Each structure stands twice: as structure tokens, then as C-alpha cells.
C-alpha atoms as a PDB file:
ATOM      1  CA  UNK A   1      -6.246  54.669 129.117  1.00  0.00           C
ATOM      2  CA  UNK A   2      -9.702  55.101 130.644  1.00  0.00           C
ATOM      3  CA  UNK A   3     -10.784  51.795 129.113  1.00  0.00           C
ATOM      4  CA  UNK A   4      -7.753  50.055 130.581  1.00  0.00           C
ATOM      5  CA  UNK A   5      -8.381  51.536 134.027  1.00  0.00           C
ATOM      6  CA  UNK A   6     -12.052  50.600 133.865  1.00  0.00           C
ATOM      7  CA  UNK A   7     -11.174  47.015 132.908  1.00  0.00           C
ATOM      8  CA  UNK A   8      -8.627  46.797 135.744  1.00  0.00           C
ATOM      9  CA  UNK A   9     -11.152  48.027 138.305  1.00  0.00           C
ATOM     10  CA  UNK A  10     -13.781  45.629 136.990  1.00  0.00           C
ATOM     11  CA  UNK A  11     -11.335  42.700 137.156  1.00  0.00           C
ATOM     12  CA  UNK A  12     -10.280  43.645 140.689  1.00  0.00           C
ATOM     13  CA  UNK A  13     -13.904  43.781 141.828  1.00  0.00           C
ATOM     14  CA  UNK A  14     -14.769  40.494 140.129  1.00  0.00           C
ATOM     15  CA  UNK A  15     -11.813  38.713 141.736  1.00  0.00           C
ATOM     16  CA  UNK A  16     -12.349  40.393 145.133  1.00  0.00           C
ATOM     17  CA  UNK A  17      -8.780  41.719 145.119  1.00  0.00           C
ATOM     18  CA  UNK A  18      -9.648  44.386 147.693  1.00  0.00           C
ATOM     19  CA  UNK A  19     -10.864  41.722 150.124  1.00  0.00           C
ATOM     20  CA  UNK A  20      -7.525  39.925 149.989  1.00  0.00           C
ATOM     21  CA  UNK A  21      -5.495  43.125 150.150  1.00  0.00           C
ATOM     22  CA  UNK A  22      -7.362  44.220 153.278  1.00  0.00           C
ATOM     23  CA  UNK A  23      -6.891  40.824 154.880  1.00  0.00           C
ATOM     24  CA  UNK A  24      -3.188  40.766 153.952  1.00  0.00           C
ATOM     25  CA  UNK A  25      -2.647  44.197 155.523  1.00  0.00           C
ATOM     26  CA  UNK A  26      -4.476  43.103 158.699  1.00  0.00           C
ATOM     27  CA  UNK A  27      -2.274  39.994 158.900  1.00  0.00           C
ATOM     28  CA  UNK A  28       0.778  42.172 158.296  1.00  0.00           C
ATOM     29  CA  UNK A  29      -0.103  44.540 161.145  1.00  0.00           C
ATOM     30  CA  UNK A  30      -0.941  41.710 163.561  1.00  0.00           C
ATOM     31  CA  UNK A  31       2.435  40.036 162.951  1.00  0.00           C
ATOM     32  CA  UNK A  32       4.608  43.054 162.164  1.00  0.00           C
ATOM     33  CA  UNK A  33       7.279  42.173 164.749  1.00  0.00           C
ATOM     34  CA  UNK A  34       7.936  38.760 163.223  1.00  0.00           C
ATOM     35  CA  UNK A  35       7.522  39.954 159.636  1.00  0.00           C
ATOM     36  CA  UNK A  36      10.244  42.562 160.147  1.00  0.00           C
ATOM     37  CA  UNK A  37      12.724  39.683 160.456  1.00  0.00           C
ATOM     38  CA  UNK A  38      11.666  38.067 157.171  1.00  0.00           C
ATOM     39  CA  UNK A  39      10.638  41.036 155.043  1.00  0.00           C
ATOM     40  CA  UNK A  40       7.348  42.394 153.764  1.00  0.00           C
ATOM     41  CA  UNK A  41       7.978  41.115 150.240  1.00  0.00           C
ATOM     42  CA  UNK A  42       8.268  37.525 151.472  1.00  0.00           C
ATOM     43  CA  UNK A  43       5.096  37.926 153.527  1.00  0.00           C
ATOM     44  CA  UNK A  44       3.020  39.088 150.558  1.00  0.00           C
ATOM     45  CA  UNK A  45       4.508  36.342 148.385  1.00  0.00           C
ATOM     46  CA  UNK A  46       3.525  33.652 150.886  1.00  0.00           C
ATOM     47  CA  UNK A  47       0.104  35.165 151.480  1.00  0.00           C
ATOM     48  CA  UNK A  48      -0.937  35.333 147.833  1.00  0.00           C
ATOM     49  CA  UNK A  49       0.607  31.943 147.087  1.00  0.00           C
ATOM     50  CA  UNK A  50      -1.650  30.518 149.798  1.00  0.00           C
ATOM     51  CA  UNK A  51      -4.640  32.303 148.225  1.00  0.00           C
ATOM     52  CA  UNK A  52      -3.783  30.804 144.841  1.00  0.00           C
ATOM     53  CA  UNK A  53      -3.355  27.317 146.322  1.00  0.00           C
ATOM     54  CA  UNK A  54      -6.538  27.581 148.402  1.00  0.00           C
ATOM     55  CA  UNK A  55      -4.841  26.988 151.762  1.00  0.00           C
ATOM     56  CA  UNK A  56      -5.496  30.546 152.985  1.00  0.00           C
ATOM     57  CA  UNK A  57      -8.854  29.567 154.517  1.00  0.00           C
ATOM     58  CA  UNK A  58      -7.413  26.997 156.950  1.00  0.00           C
ATOM     59  CA  UNK A  59      -8.360  27.688 160.583  1.00  0.00           C
ATOM     60  CA  UNK A  60      -9.752  31.118 159.691  1.00  0.00           C
ATOM     61  CA  UNK A  61     -12.941  32.685 161.037  1.00  0.00           C
ATOM     62  CA  UNK A  62     -16.184  31.924 159.206  1.00  0.00           C
ATOM     63  CA  UNK A  63     -16.680  35.536 158.111  1.00  0.00           C
ATOM     64  CA  UNK A  64     -13.494  35.217 156.027  1.00  0.00           C
ATOM     65  CA  UNK A  65     -14.132  31.660 154.836  1.00  0.00           C
ATOM     66  CA  UNK A  66     -17.424  32.658 153.223  1.00  0.00           C
ATOM     67  CA  UNK A  67     -16.351  36.151 152.120  1.00  0.00           C
ATOM     68  CA  UNK A  68     -15.685  35.313 148.431  1.00  0.00           C
ATOM     69  CA  UNK A  69     -16.632  32.550 145.962  1.00  0.00           C
ATOM     70  CA  UNK A  70     -12.956  31.533 145.770  1.00  0.00           C
ATOM     71  CA  UNK A  71     -12.812  31.158 149.551  1.00  0.00           C
ATOM     72  CA  UNK A  72     -15.928  29.003 149.550  1.00  0.00           C
ATOM     73  CA  UNK A  73     -14.637  26.790 146.756  1.00  0.00           C
ATOM     74  CA  UNK A  74     -11.277  26.489 148.536  1.00  0.00           C
ATOM     75  CA  UNK A  75     -13.007  25.459 151.767  1.00  0.00           C
ATOM     76  CA  UNK A  76     -15.099  22.834 149.960  1.00  0.00           C
ATOM     77  CA  UNK A  77     -12.014  21.410 148.260  1.00  0.00           C
ATOM     78  CA  UNK A  78     -10.053  21.356 151.528  1.00  0.00           C
ATOM     79  CA  UNK A  79     -12.905  19.646 153.404  1.00  0.00           C
ATOM     80  CA  UNK A  80     -13.109  16.978 150.699  1.00  0.00           C
ATOM     81  CA  UNK A  81      -9.352  16.340 150.633  1.00  0.00           C
ATOM     82  CA  UNK A  82      -9.040  16.184 154.423  1.00  0.00           C
ATOM     83  CA  UNK A  83     -11.986  13.889 155.143  1.00  0.00           C
ATOM     84  CA  UNK A  84     -12.643  11.872 151.981  1.00  0.00           C
ATOM     85  CA  UNK A  85     -11.258   8.790 153.769  1.00  0.00           C
ATOM     86  CA  UNK A  86     -14.386   8.898 155.965  1.00  0.00           C
ATOM     87  CA  UNK A  87     -16.270   7.489 152.992  1.00  0.00           C
ATOM     88  CA  UNK A  88     -13.392   5.747 151.225  1.00  0.00           C
ATOM     89  CA  UNK A  89     -12.930   3.035 153.839  1.00  0.00           C
ATOM     90  CA  UNK A  90     -16.328   1.509 153.087  1.00  0.00           C
ATOM     91  CA  UNK A  91     -18.329  -0.656 155.464  1.00  0.00           C
ATOM     92  CA  UNK A  92     -19.708   1.074 158.510  1.00  0.00           C
ATOM     93  CA  UNK A  93     -17.304   3.996 158.066  1.00  0.00           C
ATOM     94  CA  UNK A  94     -19.013   5.066 154.834  1.00  0.00           C
ATOM     95  CA  UNK A  95     -22.184   6.061 156.718  1.00  0.00           C
ATOM     96  CA  UNK A  96     -20.931   6.593 160.235  1.00  0.00           C
ATOM     97  CA  UNK A  97     -21.548  10.353 160.436  1.00  0.00           C
ATOM     98  CA  UNK A  98     -24.710  12.210 161.289  1.00  0.00           C
ATOM     99  CA  UNK A  99     -25.239  15.953 161.153  1.00  0.00           C
ATOM    100  CA  UNK A 100     -23.505  16.867 164.460  1.00  0.00           C
ATOM    101  CA  UNK A 101     -20.492  14.708 163.573  1.00  0.00           C
ATOM    102  CA  UNK A 102     -20.090  16.316 160.155  1.00  0.00           C
ATOM    103  CA  UNK A 103     -20.309  19.660 161.897  1.00  0.00           C
ATOM    104  CA  UNK A 104     -17.427  18.652 164.160  1.00  0.00           C
ATOM    105  CA  UNK A 105     -15.349  17.876 161.065  1.00  0.00           C
ATOM    106  CA  UNK A 106     -16.184  21.296 159.625  1.00  0.00           C
ATOM    107  CA  UNK A 107     -15.148  22.959 162.878  1.00  0.00           C
ATOM    108  CA  UNK A 108     -11.729  21.314 162.673  1.00  0.00           C
ATOM    109  CA  UNK A 109     -11.106  23.565 159.648  1.00  0.00           C
ATOM    110  CA  UNK A 110     -13.204  26.558 160.742  1.00  0.00           C
ATOM    111  CA  UNK A 111     -13.739  26.695 164.545  1.00  0.00           C
ATOM    112  CA  UNK A 112     -16.773  29.008 164.424  1.00  0.00           C
ATOM    113  CA  UNK A 113     -18.533  27.346 161.483  1.00  0.00           C
ATOM    114  CA  UNK A 114     -22.298  27.785 162.127  1.00  0.00           C
ATOM    115  CA  UNK A 115     -24.335  24.698 162.943  1.00  0.00           C
ATOM    116  CA  UNK A 116     -27.268  26.137 160.998  1.00  0.00           C
ATOM    117  CA  UNK A 117     -25.567  25.647 157.633  1.00  0.00           C
ATOM    118  CA  UNK A 118     -24.710  22.047 158.503  1.00  0.00           C
ATOM    119  CA  UNK A 119     -28.318  21.358 159.466  1.00  0.00           C
ATOM    120  CA  UNK A 120     -29.613  22.896 156.237  1.00  0.00           C
ATOM    121  CA  UNK A 121     -27.272  20.704 154.206  1.00  0.00           C
ATOM    122  CA  UNK A 122     -28.378  17.629 156.152  1.00  0.00           C
ATOM    123  CA  UNK A 123     -32.037  18.499 155.545  1.00  0.00           C
ATOM    124  CA  UNK A 124     -31.421  18.377 151.776  1.00  0.00           C
ATOM    125  CA  UNK A 125     -30.337  14.747 152.171  1.00  0.00           C
ATOM    126  CA  UNK A 126     -32.678  13.599 154.922  1.00  0.00           C
ATOM    127  CA  UNK A 127     -35.809  15.521 153.892  1.00  0.00           C
ATOM    128  CA  UNK A 128     -38.326  14.641 156.633  1.00  0.00           C
ATOM    129  CA  UNK A 129     -36.198  12.037 158.376  1.00  0.00           C
ATOM    130  CA  UNK A 130     -34.734  12.693 161.812  1.00  0.00           C
ATOM    131  CA  UNK A 131     -31.792  15.063 161.683  1.00  0.00           C
ATOM    132  CA  UNK A 132     -29.598  12.616 163.625  1.00  0.00           C
ATOM    133  CA  UNK A 133     -29.845   9.918 160.933  1.00  0.00           C
ATOM    134  CA  UNK A 134     -26.633   8.680 159.342  1.00  0.00           C
ATOM    135  CA  UNK A 135     -25.562  10.052 155.950  1.00  0.00           C
ATOM    136  CA  UNK A 136     -22.940   8.859 153.520  1.00  0.00           C
ATOM    137  CA  UNK A 137     -20.007  11.209 153.024  1.00  0.00           C
ATOM    138  CA  UNK A 138     -20.770  11.717 149.332  1.00  0.00           C
ATOM    139  CA  UNK A 139     -24.446  12.576 149.938  1.00  0.00           C
ATOM    140  CA  UNK A 140     -23.583  15.090 152.622  1.00  0.00           C
ATOM    141  CA  UNK A 141     -20.668  16.585 150.695  1.00  0.00           C
ATOM    142  CA  UNK A 142     -22.626  17.394 147.518  1.00  0.00           C
ATOM    143  CA  UNK A 143     -25.591  18.712 149.508  1.00  0.00           C
ATOM    144  CA  UNK A 144     -23.242  20.806 151.634  1.00  0.00           C
ATOM    145  CA  UNK A 145     -21.569  22.174 148.507  1.00  0.00           C
ATOM    146  CA  UNK A 146     -24.896  23.525 147.195  1.00  0.00           C
ATOM    147  CA  UNK A 147     -25.967  24.899 150.558  1.00  0.00           C
ATOM    148  CA  UNK A 148     -22.654  26.562 151.372  1.00  0.00           C
ATOM    149  CA  UNK A 149     -21.647  27.940 147.974  1.00  0.00           C
ATOM    150  CA  UNK A 150     -25.118  29.104 146.903  1.00  0.00           C
ATOM    151  CA  UNK A 151     -26.382  30.057 150.366  1.00  0.00           C
ATOM    152  CA  UNK A 152     -27.816  33.485 149.462  1.00  0.00           C
ATOM    153  CA  UNK A 153     -29.328  32.135 146.232  1.00  0.00           C
ATOM    154  CA  UNK A 154     -31.146  29.401 148.149  1.00  0.00           C
ATOM    155  CA  UNK A 155     -32.573  31.934 150.604  1.00  0.00           C
ATOM    156  CA  UNK A 156     -34.126  33.778 147.650  1.00  0.00           C
ATOM    157  CA  UNK A 157     -35.342  30.505 146.116  1.00  0.00           C
ATOM    158  CA  UNK A 158     -37.109  29.638 149.384  1.00  0.00           C
ATOM    159  CA  UNK A 159     -38.860  33.026 149.352  1.00  0.00           C
ATOM    160  CA  UNK A 160     -39.898  32.577 145.704  1.00  0.00           C
ATOM    161  CA  UNK A 161     -41.226  29.096 146.411  1.00  0.00           C
ATOM    162  CA  UNK A 162     -43.312  30.271 149.352  1.00  0.00           C
ATOM    163  CA  UNK A 163     -44.742  33.146 147.298  1.00  0.00           C
ATOM    164  CA  UNK A 164     -45.691  30.792 144.474  1.00  0.00           C
ATOM    165  CA  UNK A 165     -47.393  28.434 146.927  1.00  0.00           C
ATOM    166  CA  UNK A 166     -49.344  31.402 148.307  1.00  0.00           C
ATOM    167  CA  UNK A 167     -50.324  32.531 144.819  1.00  0.00           C
ATOM    168  CA  UNK A 168     -48.432  35.819 145.028  1.00  0.00           C
ATOM    169  CA  UNK A 169     -47.044  37.687 142.031  1.00  0.00           C
ATOM    170  CA  UNK A 170     -43.529  36.284 141.423  1.00  0.00           C
ATOM    171  CA  UNK A 171     -42.350  39.678 140.172  1.00  0.00           C
ATOM    172  CA  UNK A 172     -42.611  41.068 143.697  1.00  0.00           C
ATOM    173  CA  UNK A 173     -39.964  38.691 145.071  1.00  0.00           C
ATOM    174  CA  UNK A 174     -37.245  40.623 146.917  1.00  0.00           C
ATOM    175  CA  UNK A 175     -33.624  39.599 146.498  1.00  0.00           C
ATOM    176  CA  UNK A 176     -31.745  39.580 149.845  1.00  0.00           C
ATOM    177  CA  UNK A 177     -29.411  42.547 150.232  1.00  0.00           C
ATOM    178  CA  UNK A 178     -28.111  41.821 153.711  1.00  0.00           C
ATOM    179  CA  UNK A 179     -24.515  40.854 154.395  1.00  0.00           C
ATOM    180  CA  UNK A 180     -23.562  37.407 153.114  1.00  0.00           C
ATOM    181  CA  UNK A 181     -22.314  36.604 156.599  1.00  0.00           C
ATOM    182  CA  UNK A 182     -25.857  36.765 158.014  1.00  0.00           C
ATOM    183  CA  UNK A 183     -27.812  33.565 157.450  1.00  0.00           C
ATOM    184  CA  UNK A 184     -31.465  33.865 158.311  1.00  0.00           C
ATOM    185  CA  UNK A 185     -33.444  30.923 159.646  1.00  0.00           C
ATOM    186  CA  UNK A 186     -35.218  29.351 156.673  1.00  0.00           C
ATOM    187  CA  UNK A 187     -38.663  27.943 157.319  1.00  0.00           C
ATOM    188  CA  UNK A 188     -38.766  24.547 155.590  1.00  0.00           C
ATOM    189  CA  UNK A 189     -41.523  24.459 152.942  1.00  0.00           C
ATOM    190  CA  UNK A 190     -44.029  21.666 153.276  1.00  0.00           C
ATOM    191  CA  UNK A 191     -42.851  18.967 150.854  1.00  0.00           C
ATOM    192  CA  UNK A 192     -44.464  15.996 152.557  1.00  0.00           C
ATOM    193  CA  UNK A 193     -47.078  15.342 149.857  1.00  0.00           C
ATOM    194  CA  UNK A 194     -45.467  14.420 146.508  1.00  0.00           C
ATOM    195  CA  UNK A 195     -48.470  15.998 144.715  1.00  0.00           C
ATOM    196  CA  UNK A 196     -47.607  19.344 146.228  1.00  0.00           C
ATOM    197  CA  UNK A 197     -45.145  21.779 144.777  1.00  0.00           C
ATOM    198  CA  UNK A 198     -45.251  24.537 142.190  1.00  0.00           C
ATOM    199  CA  UNK A 199     -45.467  24.600 138.421  1.00  0.00           C
ATOM    200  CA  UNK A 200     -41.953  23.956 137.149  1.00  0.00           C
ATOM    201  CA  UNK A 201     -42.124  26.340 134.165  1.00  0.00           C
ATOM    202  CA  UNK A 202     -43.303  29.265 136.300  1.00  0.00           C
ATOM    203  CA  UNK A 203     -40.714  28.377 138.930  1.00  0.00           C
ATOM    204  CA  UNK A 204     -37.970  28.558 136.322  1.00  0.00           C
ATOM    205  CA  UNK A 205     -39.153  31.944 135.042  1.00  0.00           C
ATOM    206  CA  UNK A 206     -38.801  33.336 138.554  1.00  0.00           C
ATOM    207  CA  UNK A 207     -35.387  31.743 139.039  1.00  0.00           C
ATOM    208  CA  UNK A 208     -34.149  33.033 135.683  1.00  0.00           C
ATOM    209  CA  UNK A 209     -35.125  36.561 136.703  1.00  0.00           C
ATOM    210  CA  UNK A 210     -33.431  36.048 140.064  1.00  0.00           C
ATOM    211  CA  UNK A 211     -30.149  34.929 138.467  1.00  0.00           C
ATOM    212  CA  UNK A 212     -30.179  37.923 136.117  1.00  0.00           C
ATOM    213  CA  UNK A 213     -30.380  40.485 138.905  1.00  0.00           C
ATOM    214  CA  UNK A 214     -28.689  38.734 141.832  1.00  0.00           C
ATOM    215  CA  UNK A 215     -25.261  39.923 142.936  1.00  0.00           C
ATOM    216  CA  UNK A 216     -24.563  36.570 144.609  1.00  0.00           C
ATOM    217  CA  UNK A 217     -23.372  33.307 143.048  1.00  0.00           C
ATOM    218  CA  UNK A 218     -26.076  31.386 141.182  1.00  0.00           C
ATOM    219  CA  UNK A 219     -26.011  28.048 139.334  1.00  0.00           C
ATOM    220  CA  UNK A 220     -25.968  28.287 135.510  1.00  0.00           C
ATOM    221  CA  UNK A 221     -29.447  29.187 134.223  1.00  0.00           C
ATOM    222  CA  UNK A 222     -29.165  26.745 131.310  1.00  0.00           C
ATOM    223  CA  UNK A 223     -28.633  23.817 133.695  1.00  0.00           C
ATOM    224  CA  UNK A 224     -31.487  24.925 135.938  1.00  0.00           C
ATOM    225  CA  UNK A 225     -33.760  25.183 132.888  1.00  0.00           C
ATOM    226  CA  UNK A 226     -32.777  21.694 131.744  1.00  0.00           C
ATOM    227  CA  UNK A 227     -33.477  20.364 135.225  1.00  0.00           C
ATOM    228  CA  UNK A 228     -36.947  21.942 135.537  1.00  0.00           C
ATOM    229  CA  UNK A 229     -38.033  21.299 131.949  1.00  0.00           C
ATOM    230  CA  UNK A 230     -38.146  17.553 132.586  1.00  0.00           C
ATOM    231  CA  UNK A 231     -40.912  17.777 135.221  1.00  0.00           C
ATOM    232  CA  UNK A 232     -44.302  19.438 135.512  1.00  0.00           C
ATOM    233  CA  UNK A 233     -44.170  20.301 139.207  1.00  0.00           C
ATOM    234  CA  UNK A 234     -41.294  20.718 141.645  1.00  0.00           C
ATOM    235  CA  UNK A 235     -41.044  20.875 145.416  1.00  0.00           C
ATOM    236  CA  UNK A 236     -38.475  23.013 147.198  1.00  0.00           C
ATOM    237  CA  UNK A 237     -36.376  20.193 148.621  1.00  0.00           C
ATOM    238  CA  UNK A 238     -36.805  18.237 145.409  1.00  0.00           C
ATOM    239  CA  UNK A 239     -35.169  21.169 143.645  1.00  0.00           C
ATOM    240  CA  UNK A 240     -32.321  21.324 146.179  1.00  0.00           C
ATOM    241  CA  UNK A 241     -31.701  17.601 145.878  1.00  0.00           C
ATOM    242  CA  UNK A 242     -31.660  17.897 142.081  1.00  0.00           C
ATOM    243  CA  UNK A 243     -29.075  20.677 142.349  1.00  0.00           C
ATOM    244  CA  UNK A 244     -26.916  18.549 144.650  1.00  0.00           C
ATOM    245  CA  UNK A 245     -27.029  15.530 142.312  1.00  0.00           C
ATOM    246  CA  UNK A 246     -26.460  17.437 139.051  1.00  0.00           C
ATOM    247  CA  UNK A 247     -22.885  16.785 137.905  1.00  0.00           C
ATOM    248  CA  UNK A 248     -23.090  19.626 135.392  1.00  0.00           C
ATOM    249  CA  UNK A 249     -23.570  22.110 138.210  1.00  0.00           C
ATOM    250  CA  UNK A 250     -20.782  20.408 140.146  1.00  0.00           C
ATOM    251  CA  UNK A 251     -18.401  20.831 137.191  1.00  0.00           C
ATOM    252  CA  UNK A 252     -19.453  24.450 136.703  1.00  0.00           C
ATOM    253  CA  UNK A 253     -18.663  25.188 140.348  1.00  0.00           C
ATOM    254  CA  UNK A 254     -15.282  23.453 139.995  1.00  0.00           C
ATOM    255  CA  UNK A 255     -14.529  22.697 143.656  1.00  0.00           C
ATOM    256  CA  UNK A 256     -15.174  18.928 143.779  1.00  0.00           C
ATOM    257  CA  UNK A 257     -14.518  16.054 141.359  1.00  0.00           C
ATOM    258  CA  UNK A 258     -17.295  14.011 139.783  1.00  0.00           C
ATOM    259  CA  UNK A 259     -19.010  11.603 142.142  1.00  0.00           C
ATOM    260  CA  UNK A 260     -17.281   8.624 140.512  1.00  0.00           C
ATOM    261  CA  UNK A 261     -13.882  10.172 141.284  1.00  0.00           C
ATOM    262  CA  UNK A 262     -14.775  11.470 144.738  1.00  0.00           C
ATOM    263  CA  UNK A 263     -12.420   9.136 146.577  1.00  0.00           C
ATOM    264  CA  UNK A 264      -9.558   9.494 144.102  1.00  0.00           C
ATOM    265  CA  UNK A 265      -6.811  11.999 144.887  1.00  0.00           C
ATOM    266  CA  UNK A 266      -3.488  10.625 143.561  1.00  0.00           C
ATOM    267  CA  UNK A 267      -1.408  13.567 144.804  1.00  0.00           C
ATOM    268  CA  UNK A 268      -2.734  13.264 148.345  1.00  0.00           C
ATOM    269  CA  UNK A 269      -2.495   9.455 148.279  1.00  0.00           C
ATOM    270  CA  UNK A 270       1.155   9.716 147.263  1.00  0.00           C
ATOM    271  CA  UNK A 271       1.897  12.032 150.170  1.00  0.00           C
ATOM    272  CA  UNK A 272       0.085   9.705 152.585  1.00  0.00           C
ATOM    273  CA  UNK A 273       2.074   6.735 151.291  1.00  0.00           C
ATOM    274  CA  UNK A 274       5.302   8.654 151.921  1.00  0.00           C
ATOM    275  CA  UNK A 275       4.224   9.465 155.468  1.00  0.00           C
ATOM    276  CA  UNK A 276       3.210   5.849 156.141  1.00  0.00           C
ATOM    277  CA  UNK A 277       6.569   4.640 154.801  1.00  0.00           C
ATOM    278  CA  UNK A 278       8.414   7.112 157.021  1.00  0.00           C
ATOM    279  CA  UNK A 279       6.443   6.099 160.109  1.00  0.00           C
ATOM    280  CA  UNK A 280       7.079   2.433 159.319  1.00  0.00           C
ATOM    281  CA  UNK A 281      10.792   3.148 158.934  1.00  0.00           C
ATOM    282  CA  UNK A 282      10.880   4.958 162.263  1.00  0.00           C
ATOM    283  CA  UNK A 283       9.165   2.070 164.031  1.00  0.00           C
ATOM    284  CA  UNK A 284      11.650  -0.430 162.574  1.00  0.00           C
ATOM    285  CA  UNK A 285      14.653   1.607 163.706  1.00  0.00           C
ATOM    286  CA  UNK A 286      13.237   2.138 167.220  1.00  0.00           C
ATOM    287  CA  UNK A 287      14.894   1.700 170.619  1.00  0.00           C
ATOM    288  CA  UNK A 288      16.307  -1.691 169.690  1.00  0.00           C
ATOM    289  CA  UNK A 289      18.320  -0.224 166.809  1.00  0.00           C
ATOM    290  CA  UNK A 290      21.944   0.764 167.220  1.00  0.00           C
ATOM    291  CA  UNK A 291      23.197   4.328 166.913  1.00  0.00           C
ATOM    292  CA  UNK A 292      24.604   3.526 163.464  1.00  0.00           C
ATOM    293  CA  UNK A 293      21.153   2.430 162.299  1.00  0.00           C
ATOM    294  CA  UNK A 294      19.602   5.580 163.707  1.00  0.00           C
ATOM    295  CA  UNK A 295      21.820   7.702 161.482  1.00  0.00           C
ATOM    296  CA  UNK A 296      20.219   6.047 158.456  1.00  0.00           C
ATOM    297  CA  UNK A 297      16.678   6.878 159.523  1.00  0.00           C
ATOM    298  CA  UNK A 298      14.447   7.978 156.592  1.00  0.00           C
ATOM    299  CA  UNK A 299      14.402  11.689 155.862  1.00  0.00           C
ATOM    300  CA  UNK A 300      11.162  13.467 155.043  1.00  0.00           C
ATOM    301  CA  UNK A 301      11.391  14.897 151.547  1.00  0.00           C
ATOM    302  CA  UNK A 302       7.748  15.882 151.067  1.00  0.00           C
ATOM    303  CA  UNK A 303       7.278  19.454 149.795  1.00  0.00           C
ATOM    304  CA  UNK A 304       6.281  22.114 152.267  1.00  0.00           C
ATOM    305  CA  UNK A 305       2.856  23.546 151.556  1.00  0.00           C
ATOM    306  CA  UNK A 306       2.434  27.283 151.967  1.00  0.00           C
ATOM    307  CA  UNK A 307      -0.252  28.400 154.389  1.00  0.00           C
ATOM    308  CA  UNK A 308      -1.516  31.764 155.653  1.00  0.00           C
ATOM    309  CA  UNK A 309       0.854  33.892 157.718  1.00  0.00           C
ATOM    310  CA  UNK A 310      -0.926  33.367 161.014  1.00  0.00           C
ATOM    311  CA  UNK A 311      -0.279  29.575 161.100  1.00  0.00           C
ATOM    312  CA  UNK A 312       3.341  30.251 160.072  1.00  0.00           C
ATOM    313  CA  UNK A 313       3.615  32.714 162.940  1.00  0.00           C
ATOM    314  CA  UNK A 314       2.360  30.140 165.426  1.00  0.00           C
ATOM    315  CA  UNK A 315       4.646  27.485 164.007  1.00  0.00           C
ATOM    316  CA  UNK A 316       7.722  29.685 164.503  1.00  0.00           C
ATOM    317  CA  UNK A 317       6.736  30.242 168.125  1.00  0.00           C
ATOM    318  CA  UNK A 318       6.417  26.487 168.636  1.00  0.00           C
ATOM    319  CA  UNK A 319       9.802  25.922 167.004  1.00  0.00           C
ATOM    320  CA  UNK A 320      11.404  28.517 169.264  1.00  0.00           C
ATOM    321  CA  UNK A 321       9.889  26.906 172.353  1.00  0.00           C
ATOM    322  CA  UNK A 322      11.052  23.455 171.290  1.00  0.00           C
ATOM    323  CA  UNK A 323      14.571  24.754 170.679  1.00  0.00           C
ATOM    324  CA  UNK A 324      14.606  26.298 174.152  1.00  0.00           C
ATOM    325  CA  UNK A 325      13.480  23.026 175.708  1.00  0.00           C
ATOM    326  CA  UNK A 326      16.239  21.182 173.845  1.00  0.00           C
ATOM    327  CA  UNK A 327      18.840  23.612 175.153  1.00  0.00           C
ATOM    328  CA  UNK A 328      17.640  23.053 178.715  1.00  0.00           C
ATOM    329  CA  UNK A 329      17.827  19.272 178.210  1.00  0.00           C
ATOM    330  CA  UNK A 330      21.368  19.528 176.827  1.00  0.00           C
ATOM    331  CA  UNK A 331      22.518  21.677 179.738  1.00  0.00           C
ATOM    332  CA  UNK A 332      20.968  19.307 182.277  1.00  0.00           C
ATOM    333  CA  UNK A 333      22.719  16.352 180.688  1.00  0.00           C
ATOM    334  CA  UNK A 334      26.046  18.167 180.803  1.00  0.00           C
END
């Protein structure tokens, strides 16, 4: 029995079950008046279905979005699915965005998303170029994935790199223990001279030790070793760029498809085609159509996607307001 309880507690901690239970209870208390009409059981069913589907992070505060590895992966996947057409259209639209514009896209999903993380991701791509230079969607997305998902790991890597440049003992490197929601300003190491950098083998030894004792998410040590074993020296931003381009690390993280499939999403494309067909049908049967034609207007049959309770709560309020406005219109016409 003790072994079973110990395994259950370990599984709950690994999957951050307590984080989601606390958030679910907070959502329940904030919307208790509306939930009383639908039932607590339905609320918890919808909440944890949204967690499983990855839609629970939509329009949430940044502290929640980055609270767990699953939340971060869900946010990355949602950002890709929502804005992949930025790069899919080709031509000027494939490189139209600079750092502030990508940040605006991120804020559409998370209103208080910090600009600092966007700038750090852009620096991985642009290196020493001006931060307002244009970036392709794919370059920014894979750099952003590394910066966002492995944020705490990269802070420690920056400290290790600086210590190695200064000739300090790598064993004295301190792993950050502050809250994952606090992102310190990282001083960019000097990578201007390609001859600069640190010895790759010593760098890997430090990173291997870091991964062994870090409580935050780290890339697989075997992939990092393979990456650093192919060079003699490595700069900090060279290492970050290598992480962003490594498809093995991308597959291990599991949030985004391979780069060759980045603009392929058959399920989403099918839904978009349905919406386009419905809009086209509505435009055909517009004001010039007779009332008989209007009866045969296309009906939306697309499945309803579960989302966190708070958006559902707001949607019900909007529905109630629209119904009230319709009643007023009907009474005025009568």
C-alpha cells in the first residue's frame, strides 16, 4: 500500500496535478453562480478536457501559461496552429514580422506575455543584427520554442558560459532556484569573434552536471553531447542556434512538427475549408436571395472545441445579451 501511495504522489507531482486542481478550484469559486446552474461535475469535466486538449492556456495570464511543461508545450502548439499561415503564404508574408510584431501575436493568446522573452528568442535568430530586422516565421518559432520551454535552463547555461570564459571553476556554478515566473535580464555573451567561445568538451561536462541536478526542463543530454562533440569550441549563441535547429530536440519536446511539416495541419485546414465554404454560401444567399433560399442556408456542423471555464462564462454572458437585444428588436417590430 505504501508503495502504491508513494507512486501516486510521485506521479501527481510529475504531472503537476496539484497545479491544475488549484487552478480548477479558483475557476470554480470565481464562477460559482453560473456553475451552480450546470453542475460541478460538468465544470470539472470541461476543465480537464481542456487541459488534455491543450486549450486551457488560451487568454490566460502568463504566470499560468508558463507554470508547467505541459502548459508551455500547449502554448507553443497553439501559437503555431493559430499563426502558421503567416509563413505559409510565401512571398513577402513569409518574412514580414519583426520582433515587436511577433510579440503582438503572442499577446493575442496571452495578453501579459513579457516582451523580454520575445527579444531573447529574436536574438537567437538575429545574433548581432538589429532587433527590428525581419525574421521568417519558422526561424522565430523554433528559436522561441527553445527560449520559452527551456527558459530556466538557458539562464543557467549563460552563467556557466560566462564562468568558463572567466576561467572560473565550473563546479561552482549555481543553478537558479528562484520562481520560474521571474526571468532575469541576461547579459548577452560576446560572440562577435568566431574564434571566441569555450572548449566544447568542457562545456558539455558542465551542462551534463547541470541537467543531472536541475529541477527544470532540460534538453536530452545525449543530443546535447552529440551536438557539442562535433566541434572543438562553441559560443553561447552558437549553442542556442544549434538547439533551435536540432530536429531531435524538437521531437523530444513534442510540441511542434518537423520543419518540413511546419505548414501542414490537415485537421485545421479542413476546418478552415468548411468555414470558407460556409462564408461563401452565406454571401451567395445574401440580400438578393428569396426567403425560400434563406431557409436552405448552410448550417455549421464543425465540432465545438472545449475551452477553459472562464471563456465559456464570458460566452454565456454574450449569448444572454444578444438574446435580450433580439427580444427588444422583436417587440419594437410588433
